[in-house]
Amino acid sequence: MPDTQNTKMLVSRIQAGDEEARDALCRRYQERVLAAVRIRLGAGLRKKCESMDIVQEAMADAFRNDLKSFEFESEGAFLRFLNQVVENNIRDEARKWAAQKRDQAREADVASPGSDGESGDRMGKIAGDGQSPSGIIGLAEDLSLLEEAMDLLGDQSDEYRELIIATKIEGLTYVELADQGETSPDAIRMKTTRAMEALAKIFQQLSG
């Protein structure tokens, strides 16, 4: 997990115009942001978009413009800020592909709404049979496995999927998440535990 004080220092240096600090902060967070982006894209859009391109573009936008007025309070606040910029880019990318799909449909009668593979075959096997909930995110080094399970979890509960992204990938605390809504840290902790248990069941089902 990146050190919060080092992150704060890099943010301050970027705001002062330090290009090297910008590159260092990109390297520090791009893998975590990439994981969150790829999971949020979903299977259909993921096949069409180069995820790292989205991450790099979003980070460049954030560090070039939005970061100038950002006040660093915590790593969680920084990640929420960065994640919002990334999600905006994802929405722009989704609108672009939707427009292209509509254009193609008008030009060719053979275009099919389901032809992009969005409902393709699920993997039959996933390593880690019997994996405990606390160890599930450890499989993220093989990101495609995590994406597969998280897509299925999102089909069951988008709230569970977002909680796992927020707590296990982005590193937000239960207190920080509670501050965003009308609930308590304990309530979020219990809901996150249920989400992880649901994800563990999906891994076990996929592993046969």
N, C-alpha and C. Protein backbone atom coordinates (compact mmCIF):
# COMPACT_ATOMS: atom_id res chain seq x y z
N MET A 1 0.85 -1.19 0.00
CA MET A 1 0.00 0.00 0.00
C MET A 1 0.89 1.25 0.00
N PRO A 2 0.65 2.16 -0.94
CA PRO A 2 1.48 3.37 -0.99
C PRO A 2 1.45 4.13 0.33
N ASP A 3 2.59 4.73 0.70
CA ASP A 3 2.68 5.50 1.94
C ASP A 3 1.96 6.84 1.77
N THR A 4 1.06 7.15 2.72
CA THR A 4 0.22 8.33 2.60
C THR A 4 1.04 9.61 2.59
N GLN A 5 2.05 9.72 3.44
CA GLN A 5 2.85 10.94 3.50
C GLN A 5 3.62 11.18 2.21
N ASN A 6 4.14 10.09 1.63
CA ASN A 6 4.83 10.24 0.35
C ASN A 6 3.87 10.70 -0.74
N THR A 7 2.63 10.17 -0.71
CA THR A 7 1.64 10.59 -1.68
C THR A 7 1.33 12.07 -1.51
N LYS A 8 1.15 12.51 -0.28
CA LYS A 8 0.87 13.92 -0.01
C LYS A 8 2.00 14.80 -0.50
N MET A 9 3.24 14.36 -0.28
CA MET A 9 4.39 15.13 -0.73
C MET A 9 4.42 15.23 -2.25
N LEU A 10 4.12 14.11 -2.95
CA LEU A 10 4.13 14.11 -4.40
C LEU A 10 3.03 15.03 -4.95
N VAL A 11 1.86 15.01 -4.31
CA VAL A 11 0.77 15.89 -4.74
C VAL A 11 1.21 17.35 -4.63
N SER A 12 1.85 17.71 -3.52
CA SER A 12 2.32 19.08 -3.32
C SER A 12 3.35 19.47 -4.38
N ARG A 13 4.24 18.55 -4.71
CA ARG A 13 5.26 18.84 -5.72
C ARG A 13 4.64 19.01 -7.10
N ILE A 14 3.63 18.19 -7.41
CA ILE A 14 2.94 18.33 -8.70
C ILE A 14 2.26 19.69 -8.79
N GLN A 15 1.62 20.09 -7.71
CA GLN A 15 0.94 21.39 -7.69
C GLN A 15 1.92 22.54 -7.85
N ALA A 16 3.19 22.28 -7.53
CA ALA A 16 4.23 23.30 -7.70
C ALA A 16 4.89 23.22 -9.07
N GLY A 17 4.42 22.26 -9.92
CA GLY A 17 4.92 22.17 -11.28
C GLY A 17 6.01 21.15 -11.50
N ASP A 18 6.20 20.21 -10.57
CA ASP A 18 7.27 19.21 -10.67
C ASP A 18 6.82 18.06 -11.57
N GLU A 19 7.41 17.93 -12.77
CA GLU A 19 7.05 16.89 -13.73
C GLU A 19 7.47 15.51 -13.23
N GLU A 20 8.62 15.42 -12.58
CA GLU A 20 9.09 14.13 -12.09
C GLU A 20 8.15 13.58 -11.02
N ALA A 21 7.60 14.46 -10.19
CA ALA A 21 6.65 14.02 -9.17
C ALA A 21 5.39 13.47 -9.81
N ARG A 22 4.96 14.08 -10.91
CA ARG A 22 3.78 13.59 -11.61
C ARG A 22 3.99 12.17 -12.12
N ASP A 23 5.17 11.92 -12.72
CA ASP A 23 5.48 10.58 -13.22
C ASP A 23 5.55 9.58 -12.07
N ALA A 24 6.12 10.00 -10.94
CA ALA A 24 6.25 9.11 -9.79
C ALA A 24 4.87 8.74 -9.23
N LEU A 25 3.96 9.72 -9.16
CA LEU A 25 2.63 9.44 -8.63
C LEU A 25 1.84 8.55 -9.58
N CYS A 26 2.03 8.71 -10.87
CA CYS A 26 1.39 7.82 -11.85
C CYS A 26 1.85 6.38 -11.64
N ARG A 27 3.17 6.21 -11.50
CA ARG A 27 3.69 4.86 -11.28
C ARG A 27 3.16 4.26 -9.99
N ARG A 28 3.01 5.10 -8.98
CA ARG A 28 2.58 4.63 -7.66
C ARG A 28 1.16 4.08 -7.69
N TYR A 29 0.29 4.68 -8.49
CA TYR A 29 -1.13 4.34 -8.40
C TYR A 29 -1.73 3.70 -9.65
N GLN A 30 -0.99 3.64 -10.75
CA GLN A 30 -1.65 3.23 -11.98
C GLN A 30 -2.15 1.77 -11.94
N GLU A 31 -1.45 0.88 -11.24
CA GLU A 31 -1.90 -0.51 -11.18
C GLU A 31 -3.22 -0.63 -10.43
N ARG A 32 -3.34 0.10 -9.32
CA ARG A 32 -4.59 0.06 -8.55
C ARG A 32 -5.73 0.69 -9.34
N VAL A 33 -5.44 1.79 -10.01
CA VAL A 33 -6.47 2.44 -10.81
C VAL A 33 -6.85 1.55 -11.99
N LEU A 34 -5.85 0.89 -12.60
CA LEU A 34 -6.14 0.00 -13.72
C LEU A 34 -7.08 -1.12 -13.30
N ALA A 35 -6.82 -1.72 -12.13
CA ALA A 35 -7.70 -2.80 -11.66
C ALA A 35 -9.13 -2.30 -11.49
N ALA A 36 -9.29 -1.14 -10.88
CA ALA A 36 -10.63 -0.60 -10.68
C ALA A 36 -11.30 -0.28 -12.00
N VAL A 37 -10.53 0.29 -12.95
CA VAL A 37 -11.09 0.64 -14.25
C VAL A 37 -11.56 -0.59 -14.99
N ARG A 38 -10.72 -1.62 -15.06
CA ARG A 38 -11.09 -2.81 -15.82
C ARG A 38 -12.32 -3.50 -15.23
N ILE A 39 -12.43 -3.51 -13.92
CA ILE A 39 -13.60 -4.12 -13.30
C ILE A 39 -14.85 -3.30 -13.59
N ARG A 40 -14.72 -1.98 -13.55
CA ARG A 40 -15.88 -1.12 -13.79
C ARG A 40 -16.31 -1.11 -15.26
N LEU A 41 -15.38 -1.37 -16.18
CA LEU A 41 -15.74 -1.35 -17.59
C LEU A 41 -16.78 -2.40 -17.94
N GLY A 42 -16.72 -3.57 -17.31
CA GLY A 42 -17.61 -4.65 -17.69
C GLY A 42 -17.06 -5.38 -18.91
N ALA A 43 -17.59 -6.60 -19.13
CA ALA A 43 -17.03 -7.48 -20.15
C ALA A 43 -17.14 -6.88 -21.55
N GLY A 44 -18.29 -6.30 -21.89
CA GLY A 44 -18.49 -5.81 -23.24
C GLY A 44 -17.57 -4.67 -23.60
N LEU A 45 -17.56 -3.61 -22.77
CA LEU A 45 -16.74 -2.43 -23.05
C LEU A 45 -15.26 -2.74 -22.89
N ARG A 46 -14.94 -3.68 -21.99
CA ARG A 46 -13.54 -4.03 -21.75
C ARG A 46 -12.88 -4.57 -23.02
N LYS A 47 -13.68 -5.28 -23.85
CA LYS A 47 -13.12 -5.85 -25.08
C LYS A 47 -12.82 -4.77 -26.11
N LYS A 48 -13.47 -3.63 -25.99
CA LYS A 48 -13.34 -2.58 -26.99
C LYS A 48 -12.30 -1.52 -26.60
N CYS A 49 -12.04 -1.39 -25.31
CA CYS A 49 -11.21 -0.28 -24.83
C CYS A 49 -9.85 -0.79 -24.37
N GLU A 50 -8.83 0.00 -24.60
CA GLU A 50 -7.52 -0.26 -24.03
C GLU A 50 -7.49 0.38 -22.64
N SER A 51 -7.59 -0.45 -21.60
CA SER A 51 -7.77 0.05 -20.24
C SER A 51 -6.63 0.94 -19.79
N MET A 52 -5.39 0.56 -20.10
CA MET A 52 -4.26 1.37 -19.66
C MET A 52 -4.30 2.74 -20.32
N ASP A 53 -4.78 2.79 -21.56
CA ASP A 53 -4.92 4.09 -22.22
C ASP A 53 -5.88 4.99 -21.45
N ILE A 54 -6.99 4.41 -20.97
CA ILE A 54 -7.97 5.16 -20.20
C ILE A 54 -7.35 5.66 -18.90
N VAL A 55 -6.62 4.79 -18.22
CA VAL A 55 -5.99 5.15 -16.95
C VAL A 55 -4.99 6.28 -17.16
N GLN A 56 -4.12 6.14 -18.15
CA GLN A 56 -3.09 7.15 -18.38
C GLN A 56 -3.70 8.49 -18.78
N GLU A 57 -4.75 8.43 -19.61
CA GLU A 57 -5.41 9.67 -20.02
C GLU A 57 -6.09 10.34 -18.83
N ALA A 58 -6.76 9.52 -18.00
CA ALA A 58 -7.45 10.07 -16.83
C ALA A 58 -6.47 10.68 -15.85
N MET A 59 -5.36 9.99 -15.60
CA MET A 59 -4.37 10.51 -14.66
C MET A 59 -3.73 11.79 -15.20
N ALA A 60 -3.45 11.80 -16.49
CA ALA A 60 -2.86 13.01 -17.08
C ALA A 60 -3.82 14.19 -16.94
N ASP A 61 -5.12 13.93 -17.20
CA ASP A 61 -6.13 14.99 -17.03
C ASP A 61 -6.17 15.48 -15.59
N ALA A 62 -6.18 14.52 -14.67
CA ALA A 62 -6.28 14.87 -13.25
C ALA A 62 -5.08 15.68 -12.78
N PHE A 63 -3.87 15.24 -13.14
CA PHE A 63 -2.66 15.89 -12.65
C PHE A 63 -2.39 17.20 -13.37
N ARG A 64 -2.93 17.34 -14.59
CA ARG A 64 -2.70 18.56 -15.36
C ARG A 64 -3.62 19.69 -14.93
N ASN A 65 -4.86 19.34 -14.60
CA ASN A 65 -5.86 20.37 -14.35
C ASN A 65 -6.47 20.28 -12.94
N ASP A 66 -7.19 19.19 -12.68
CA ASP A 66 -8.00 19.11 -11.46
C ASP A 66 -7.18 19.13 -10.18
N LEU A 67 -5.96 18.60 -10.25
CA LEU A 67 -5.14 18.50 -9.03
C LEU A 67 -4.69 19.86 -8.52
N LYS A 68 -4.74 20.87 -9.37
CA LYS A 68 -4.25 22.19 -8.99
C LYS A 68 -5.00 22.75 -7.78
N SER A 69 -6.31 22.47 -7.69
CA SER A 69 -7.12 23.00 -6.60
C SER A 69 -7.45 21.95 -5.54
N PHE A 70 -6.83 20.76 -5.65
CA PHE A 70 -7.13 19.67 -4.72
C PHE A 70 -6.39 19.88 -3.40
N GLU A 71 -7.12 19.73 -2.29
CA GLU A 71 -6.52 19.81 -0.96
C GLU A 71 -6.41 18.41 -0.38
N PHE A 72 -5.18 17.96 -0.18
CA PHE A 72 -4.94 16.60 0.29
C PHE A 72 -5.29 16.48 1.78
N GLU A 73 -6.28 15.64 2.07
CA GLU A 73 -6.67 15.37 3.45
C GLU A 73 -6.31 13.96 3.87
N SER A 74 -6.44 13.02 2.95
CA SER A 74 -6.13 11.62 3.23
C SER A 74 -5.95 10.90 1.91
N GLU A 75 -5.37 9.71 1.98
CA GLU A 75 -5.22 8.92 0.76
C GLU A 75 -6.60 8.55 0.20
N GLY A 76 -7.55 8.29 1.10
CA GLY A 76 -8.90 7.97 0.65
C GLY A 76 -9.51 9.10 -0.15
N ALA A 77 -9.31 10.33 0.32
CA ALA A 77 -9.84 11.49 -0.41
C ALA A 77 -9.15 11.63 -1.77
N PHE A 78 -7.84 11.37 -1.80
CA PHE A 78 -7.13 11.43 -3.08
C PHE A 78 -7.64 10.38 -4.05
N LEU A 79 -7.85 9.16 -3.55
CA LEU A 79 -8.34 8.08 -4.41
C LEU A 79 -9.75 8.36 -4.91
N ARG A 80 -10.59 8.95 -4.05
CA ARG A 80 -11.94 9.31 -4.51
C ARG A 80 -11.87 10.34 -5.63
N PHE A 81 -10.99 11.32 -5.45
CA PHE A 81 -10.79 12.33 -6.49
C PHE A 81 -10.32 11.69 -7.79
N LEU A 82 -9.29 10.85 -7.70
CA LEU A 82 -8.72 10.24 -8.89
C LEU A 82 -9.73 9.30 -9.54
N ASN A 83 -10.46 8.57 -8.72
CA ASN A 83 -11.44 7.62 -9.25
C ASN A 83 -12.55 8.34 -9.99
N GLN A 84 -12.95 9.52 -9.51
CA GLN A 84 -14.00 10.27 -10.19
C GLN A 84 -13.57 10.69 -11.58
N VAL A 85 -12.32 11.13 -11.71
CA VAL A 85 -11.80 11.51 -13.03
C VAL A 85 -11.79 10.29 -13.95
N VAL A 86 -11.35 9.15 -13.43
CA VAL A 86 -11.30 7.93 -14.24
C VAL A 86 -12.70 7.51 -14.68
N GLU A 87 -13.67 7.56 -13.75
CA GLU A 87 -15.03 7.18 -14.09
C GLU A 87 -15.62 8.11 -15.16
N ASN A 88 -15.28 9.39 -15.11
CA ASN A 88 -15.74 10.32 -16.14
C ASN A 88 -15.20 9.91 -17.51
N ASN A 89 -13.92 9.49 -17.54
CA ASN A 89 -13.34 9.04 -18.80
C ASN A 89 -14.00 7.77 -19.30
N ILE A 90 -14.34 6.86 -18.36
CA ILE A 90 -15.03 5.63 -18.74
C ILE A 90 -16.37 5.95 -19.37
N ARG A 91 -17.11 6.88 -18.75
CA ARG A 91 -18.41 7.24 -19.31
C ARG A 91 -18.26 7.86 -20.70
N ASP A 92 -17.23 8.68 -20.88
CA ASP A 92 -16.99 9.26 -22.21
C ASP A 92 -16.69 8.16 -23.22
N GLU A 93 -15.90 7.17 -22.81
CA GLU A 93 -15.55 6.06 -23.70
C GLU A 93 -16.80 5.24 -24.03
N ALA A 94 -17.65 5.02 -23.03
CA ALA A 94 -18.87 4.25 -23.26
C ALA A 94 -19.80 4.97 -24.23
N ARG A 95 -19.92 6.28 -24.09
CA ARG A 95 -20.77 7.04 -25.00
C ARG A 95 -20.22 6.99 -26.43
N LYS A 96 -18.89 7.03 -26.54
CA LYS A 96 -18.27 6.97 -27.86
C LYS A 96 -18.58 5.65 -28.55
N TRP A 97 -18.43 4.55 -27.81
CA TRP A 97 -18.69 3.24 -28.40
C TRP A 97 -20.17 3.04 -28.68
N ALA A 98 -21.03 3.58 -27.83
CA ALA A 98 -22.46 3.47 -28.08
C ALA A 98 -22.85 4.21 -29.35
N ALA A 99 -22.25 5.38 -29.58
CA ALA A 99 -22.53 6.15 -30.80
C ALA A 99 -22.04 5.40 -32.03
N GLN A 100 -20.85 4.79 -31.94
CA GLN A 100 -20.33 4.02 -33.05
C GLN A 100 -21.22 2.83 -33.36
N LYS A 101 -21.73 2.19 -32.31
CA LYS A 101 -22.59 1.02 -32.51
C LYS A 101 -23.89 1.42 -33.20
N ARG A 102 -24.44 2.58 -32.81
CA ARG A 102 -25.67 3.05 -33.45
C ARG A 102 -25.42 3.36 -34.92
N ASP A 103 -24.28 3.97 -35.21
CA ASP A 103 -23.94 4.28 -36.60
C ASP A 103 -23.81 3.01 -37.43
N GLN A 104 -23.15 2.00 -36.87
CA GLN A 104 -22.97 0.74 -37.58
C GLN A 104 -24.31 0.05 -37.81
N ALA A 105 -25.20 0.15 -36.83
CA ALA A 105 -26.51 -0.48 -36.97
C ALA A 105 -27.33 0.16 -38.08
N ARG A 106 -27.17 1.47 -38.25
CA ARG A 106 -27.89 2.15 -39.32
C ARG A 106 -27.33 1.79 -40.69
N GLU A 107 -26.03 1.49 -40.73
CA GLU A 107 -25.37 1.23 -42.00
C GLU A 107 -25.49 -0.22 -42.44
N ALA A 108 -25.72 -1.13 -41.52
CA ALA A 108 -25.75 -2.56 -41.87
C ALA A 108 -26.83 -3.27 -41.09
N ASP A 109 -27.73 -3.91 -41.81
CA ASP A 109 -28.82 -4.63 -41.16
C ASP A 109 -28.33 -5.83 -40.37
N VAL A 110 -27.13 -6.31 -40.72
CA VAL A 110 -26.63 -7.52 -40.07
C VAL A 110 -26.12 -7.25 -38.66
N ALA A 111 -25.98 -5.97 -38.29
CA ALA A 111 -25.48 -5.66 -36.95
C ALA A 111 -26.43 -6.20 -35.91
N SER A 112 -25.88 -6.85 -34.92
CA SER A 112 -26.69 -7.47 -33.87
C SER A 112 -26.34 -6.88 -32.54
N PRO A 113 -27.32 -6.46 -31.68
CA PRO A 113 -27.03 -5.86 -30.38
C PRO A 113 -26.20 -6.75 -29.47
N GLY A 114 -26.30 -8.07 -29.68
CA GLY A 114 -25.56 -8.95 -28.77
C GLY A 114 -24.33 -9.55 -29.38
N SER A 115 -23.90 -8.99 -30.52
CA SER A 115 -22.81 -9.62 -31.24
C SER A 115 -21.43 -9.25 -30.75
N ASP A 116 -21.34 -8.40 -29.71
CA ASP A 116 -20.02 -7.95 -29.26
C ASP A 116 -19.39 -8.88 -28.26
N GLY A 117 -20.04 -10.04 -28.00
CA GLY A 117 -19.47 -11.01 -27.07
C GLY A 117 -19.75 -10.71 -25.63
N GLU A 118 -20.64 -9.78 -25.34
CA GLU A 118 -20.87 -9.35 -23.97
C GLU A 118 -21.42 -10.48 -23.12
N SER A 119 -22.09 -11.44 -23.76
CA SER A 119 -22.64 -12.57 -23.03
C SER A 119 -21.88 -13.84 -23.37
N GLY A 120 -20.60 -13.72 -23.57
CA GLY A 120 -19.78 -14.86 -23.96
C GLY A 120 -19.66 -15.89 -22.86
N ASP A 121 -19.02 -17.03 -23.21
CA ASP A 121 -18.88 -18.13 -22.27
C ASP A 121 -18.07 -17.72 -21.07
N ARG A 122 -18.50 -18.17 -19.90
CA ARG A 122 -17.74 -17.96 -18.67
C ARG A 122 -16.64 -18.99 -18.56
N MET A 123 -15.60 -18.63 -17.83
CA MET A 123 -14.50 -19.57 -17.64
C MET A 123 -14.98 -20.77 -16.86
N GLY A 124 -14.48 -21.95 -17.25
CA GLY A 124 -14.89 -23.16 -16.57
C GLY A 124 -14.06 -23.46 -15.33
N LYS A 125 -12.85 -22.95 -15.31
CA LYS A 125 -11.94 -23.24 -14.20
C LYS A 125 -11.29 -21.97 -13.71
N ILE A 126 -11.15 -21.83 -12.41
CA ILE A 126 -10.40 -20.72 -11.81
C ILE A 126 -9.54 -21.28 -10.70
N ALA A 127 -8.27 -20.90 -10.70
CA ALA A 127 -7.36 -21.38 -9.67
C ALA A 127 -7.80 -20.87 -8.31
N GLY A 128 -7.53 -21.65 -7.28
CA GLY A 128 -7.83 -21.21 -5.93
C GLY A 128 -9.12 -21.79 -5.40
N ASP A 129 -9.42 -23.03 -5.71
CA ASP A 129 -10.64 -23.67 -5.22
C ASP A 129 -10.65 -23.64 -3.70
N GLY A 130 -11.76 -23.16 -3.13
CA GLY A 130 -11.88 -23.09 -1.69
C GLY A 130 -11.21 -21.87 -1.09
N GLN A 131 -10.87 -20.90 -1.93
CA GLN A 131 -10.20 -19.69 -1.44
C GLN A 131 -11.06 -18.99 -0.39
N SER A 132 -10.46 -18.56 0.70
CA SER A 132 -11.21 -17.85 1.74
C SER A 132 -11.50 -16.44 1.29
N PRO A 133 -12.57 -15.82 1.82
CA PRO A 133 -12.89 -14.44 1.42
C PRO A 133 -11.73 -13.48 1.60
N SER A 134 -10.97 -13.62 2.70
CA SER A 134 -9.89 -12.68 2.95
C SER A 134 -8.76 -12.80 1.94
N GLY A 135 -8.70 -13.92 1.23
CA GLY A 135 -7.62 -14.11 0.27
C GLY A 135 -8.02 -13.92 -1.17
N ILE A 136 -9.28 -13.62 -1.43
CA ILE A 136 -9.76 -13.53 -2.81
C ILE A 136 -9.01 -12.47 -3.60
N ILE A 137 -8.83 -11.28 -3.02
CA ILE A 137 -8.23 -10.19 -3.77
C ILE A 137 -6.76 -10.48 -4.07
N GLY A 138 -6.17 -11.44 -3.37
CA GLY A 138 -4.81 -11.84 -3.69
C GLY A 138 -4.68 -12.42 -5.08
N LEU A 139 -5.78 -12.83 -5.69
CA LEU A 139 -5.75 -13.34 -7.04
C LEU A 139 -5.65 -12.25 -8.08
N ALA A 140 -5.61 -10.98 -7.64
CA ALA A 140 -5.61 -9.87 -8.57
C ALA A 140 -4.36 -9.81 -9.43
N GLU A 141 -3.29 -10.58 -9.07
CA GLU A 141 -2.13 -10.57 -9.93
C GLU A 141 -2.48 -11.20 -11.29
N ASP A 142 -3.50 -12.06 -11.31
CA ASP A 142 -4.05 -12.53 -12.58
C ASP A 142 -5.38 -11.80 -12.74
N LEU A 143 -5.32 -10.60 -13.29
CA LEU A 143 -6.46 -9.70 -13.25
C LEU A 143 -7.67 -10.27 -13.98
N SER A 144 -7.43 -11.06 -15.02
CA SER A 144 -8.55 -11.60 -15.78
C SER A 144 -9.43 -12.50 -14.91
N LEU A 145 -8.83 -13.21 -13.95
CA LEU A 145 -9.61 -14.06 -13.06
C LEU A 145 -10.49 -13.22 -12.15
N LEU A 146 -9.92 -12.15 -11.63
CA LEU A 146 -10.70 -11.27 -10.76
C LEU A 146 -11.82 -10.59 -11.54
N GLU A 147 -11.53 -10.17 -12.77
CA GLU A 147 -12.56 -9.55 -13.59
C GLU A 147 -13.73 -10.49 -13.81
N GLU A 148 -13.43 -11.75 -14.10
CA GLU A 148 -14.47 -12.74 -14.37
C GLU A 148 -15.42 -12.87 -13.19
N ALA A 149 -14.85 -13.02 -12.00
CA ALA A 149 -15.67 -13.18 -10.81
C ALA A 149 -16.41 -11.89 -10.46
N MET A 150 -15.75 -10.76 -10.63
CA MET A 150 -16.39 -9.49 -10.28
C MET A 150 -17.52 -9.14 -11.25
N ASP A 151 -17.41 -9.54 -12.52
CA ASP A 151 -18.52 -9.36 -13.45
C ASP A 151 -19.75 -10.12 -12.96
N LEU A 152 -19.54 -11.35 -12.53
CA LEU A 152 -20.65 -12.16 -12.05
C LEU A 152 -21.21 -11.59 -10.75
N LEU A 153 -20.34 -11.12 -9.87
CA LEU A 153 -20.81 -10.51 -8.63
C LEU A 153 -21.65 -9.28 -8.94
N GLY A 154 -21.21 -8.47 -9.91
CA GLY A 154 -21.97 -7.29 -10.29
C GLY A 154 -23.35 -7.64 -10.82
N ASP A 155 -23.48 -8.80 -11.48
CA ASP A 155 -24.79 -9.25 -11.93
C ASP A 155 -25.72 -9.50 -10.75
N GLN A 156 -25.13 -9.98 -9.64
CA GLN A 156 -25.92 -10.25 -8.43
C GLN A 156 -26.20 -8.97 -7.65
N SER A 157 -25.17 -8.16 -7.46
CA SER A 157 -25.30 -6.96 -6.64
C SER A 157 -24.23 -5.95 -7.03
N ASP A 158 -24.63 -4.87 -7.67
CA ASP A 158 -23.68 -3.83 -8.01
C ASP A 158 -23.10 -3.18 -6.76
N GLU A 159 -23.90 -3.12 -5.68
CA GLU A 159 -23.43 -2.55 -4.43
C GLU A 159 -22.28 -3.37 -3.86
N TYR A 160 -22.40 -4.70 -3.88
CA TYR A 160 -21.31 -5.56 -3.40
C TYR A 160 -20.05 -5.33 -4.24
N ARG A 161 -20.20 -5.27 -5.55
CA ARG A 161 -19.04 -5.07 -6.43
C ARG A 161 -18.35 -3.75 -6.10
N GLU A 162 -19.12 -2.69 -5.92
CA GLU A 162 -18.54 -1.38 -5.64
C GLU A 162 -17.87 -1.34 -4.27
N LEU A 163 -18.45 -2.05 -3.30
CA LEU A 163 -17.83 -2.10 -1.97
C LEU A 163 -16.47 -2.77 -2.02
N ILE A 164 -16.35 -3.86 -2.77
CA ILE A 164 -15.07 -4.56 -2.86
C ILE A 164 -14.05 -3.70 -3.58
N ILE A 165 -14.47 -3.03 -4.64
CA ILE A 165 -13.55 -2.13 -5.33
C ILE A 165 -13.06 -1.04 -4.38
N ALA A 166 -14.00 -0.45 -3.64
CA ALA A 166 -13.65 0.67 -2.76
C ALA A 166 -12.72 0.25 -1.63
N THR A 167 -13.01 -0.88 -0.98
CA THR A 167 -12.25 -1.27 0.21
C THR A 167 -11.01 -2.09 -0.10
N LYS A 168 -11.07 -2.98 -1.09
CA LYS A 168 -9.97 -3.91 -1.33
C LYS A 168 -9.03 -3.48 -2.45
N ILE A 169 -9.52 -2.64 -3.37
CA ILE A 169 -8.66 -2.21 -4.46
C ILE A 169 -8.24 -0.76 -4.28
N GLU A 170 -9.21 0.11 -3.98
CA GLU A 170 -8.88 1.52 -3.81
C GLU A 170 -8.36 1.84 -2.41
N GLY A 171 -8.64 0.97 -1.44
CA GLY A 171 -8.08 1.15 -0.10
C GLY A 171 -8.82 2.12 0.78
N LEU A 172 -10.08 2.42 0.47
CA LEU A 172 -10.86 3.32 1.34
C LEU A 172 -11.20 2.60 2.65
N THR A 173 -11.25 3.35 3.73
CA THR A 173 -11.60 2.78 5.03
C THR A 173 -13.12 2.79 5.21
N TYR A 174 -13.59 2.00 6.19
CA TYR A 174 -15.02 1.98 6.49
C TYR A 174 -15.50 3.35 6.97
N VAL A 175 -14.65 4.05 7.69
CA VAL A 175 -15.01 5.39 8.17
C VAL A 175 -15.18 6.35 7.00
N GLU A 176 -14.24 6.30 6.06
CA GLU A 176 -14.33 7.18 4.89
C GLU A 176 -15.58 6.89 4.07
N LEU A 177 -15.90 5.62 3.91
CA LEU A 177 -17.10 5.27 3.16
C LEU A 177 -18.36 5.68 3.91
N ALA A 178 -18.34 5.55 5.23
CA ALA A 178 -19.50 5.95 6.03
C ALA A 178 -19.73 7.45 5.93
N ASP A 179 -18.66 8.21 5.81
CA ASP A 179 -18.78 9.67 5.69
C ASP A 179 -19.48 10.08 4.40
N GLN A 180 -19.50 9.18 3.41
CA GLN A 180 -20.12 9.49 2.12
C GLN A 180 -21.62 9.24 2.12
N GLY A 181 -22.13 8.52 3.11
CA GLY A 181 -23.55 8.18 3.14
C GLY A 181 -24.09 8.14 4.55
N GLU A 182 -25.38 7.86 4.63
CA GLU A 182 -26.04 7.84 5.94
C GLU A 182 -26.00 6.42 6.51
N THR A 183 -24.83 6.03 6.96
CA THR A 183 -24.65 4.71 7.56
C THR A 183 -23.45 4.75 8.50
N SER A 184 -23.13 3.63 9.10
CA SER A 184 -22.04 3.58 10.07
C SER A 184 -20.89 2.72 9.54
N PRO A 185 -19.67 2.92 10.06
CA PRO A 185 -18.56 2.07 9.66
C PRO A 185 -18.83 0.59 9.93
N ASP A 186 -19.49 0.27 11.05
CA ASP A 186 -19.79 -1.13 11.35
C ASP A 186 -20.73 -1.73 10.32
N ALA A 187 -21.71 -0.95 9.88
CA ALA A 187 -22.65 -1.44 8.87
C ALA A 187 -21.93 -1.71 7.56
N ILE A 188 -21.00 -0.83 7.19
CA ILE A 188 -20.25 -1.03 5.95
C ILE A 188 -19.32 -2.23 6.08
N ARG A 189 -18.71 -2.39 7.26
CA ARG A 189 -17.83 -3.54 7.48
C ARG A 189 -18.60 -4.84 7.32
N MET A 190 -19.79 -4.93 7.90
CA MET A 190 -20.58 -6.16 7.80
C MET A 190 -21.02 -6.42 6.37
N LYS A 191 -21.40 -5.35 5.66
CA LYS A 191 -21.84 -5.51 4.27
C LYS A 191 -20.67 -5.93 3.39
N THR A 192 -19.47 -5.38 3.68
CA THR A 192 -18.30 -5.77 2.90
C THR A 192 -17.95 -7.23 3.15
N THR A 193 -18.11 -7.69 4.39
CA THR A 193 -17.87 -9.10 4.69
C THR A 193 -18.82 -9.99 3.89
N ARG A 194 -20.09 -9.60 3.81
CA ARG A 194 -21.05 -10.38 3.02
C ARG A 194 -20.69 -10.35 1.53
N ALA A 195 -20.19 -9.21 1.07
CA ALA A 195 -19.78 -9.10 -0.33
C ALA A 195 -18.62 -10.03 -0.63
N MET A 196 -17.64 -10.09 0.28
CA MET A 196 -16.50 -10.97 0.09
C MET A 196 -16.90 -12.44 0.13
N GLU A 197 -17.87 -12.76 1.00
CA GLU A 197 -18.36 -14.14 1.05
C GLU A 197 -19.06 -14.51 -0.25
N ALA A 198 -19.81 -13.57 -0.81
CA ALA A 198 -20.49 -13.81 -2.09
C ALA A 198 -19.46 -14.00 -3.20
N LEU A 199 -18.39 -13.22 -3.18
CA LEU A 199 -17.33 -13.35 -4.18
C LEU A 199 -16.63 -14.70 -4.04
N ALA A 200 -16.40 -15.13 -2.82
CA ALA A 200 -15.76 -16.44 -2.59
C ALA A 200 -16.62 -17.57 -3.16
N LYS A 201 -17.94 -17.48 -3.01
CA LYS A 201 -18.83 -18.51 -3.56
C LYS A 201 -18.75 -18.54 -5.08
N ILE A 202 -18.63 -17.37 -5.69
CA ILE A 202 -18.53 -17.32 -7.15
C ILE A 202 -17.25 -18.00 -7.61
N PHE A 203 -16.13 -17.75 -6.93
CA PHE A 203 -14.89 -18.42 -7.27
C PHE A 203 -15.02 -19.94 -7.16
N GLN A 204 -15.68 -20.37 -6.09
CA GLN A 204 -15.84 -21.81 -5.89
C GLN A 204 -16.73 -22.42 -6.97
N GLN A 205 -17.79 -21.73 -7.38
CA GLN A 205 -18.67 -22.22 -8.43
C GLN A 205 -17.95 -22.30 -9.77
N LEU A 206 -17.15 -21.27 -10.07
CA LEU A 206 -16.44 -21.26 -11.34
C LEU A 206 -15.34 -22.33 -11.40
N SER A 207 -14.83 -22.69 -10.24
CA SER A 207 -13.77 -23.69 -10.22
C SER A 207 -14.32 -25.11 -10.28
N GLY A 208 -15.65 -25.24 -10.35
CA GLY A 208 -16.26 -26.52 -10.61
C GLY A 208 -16.65 -27.32 -9.41
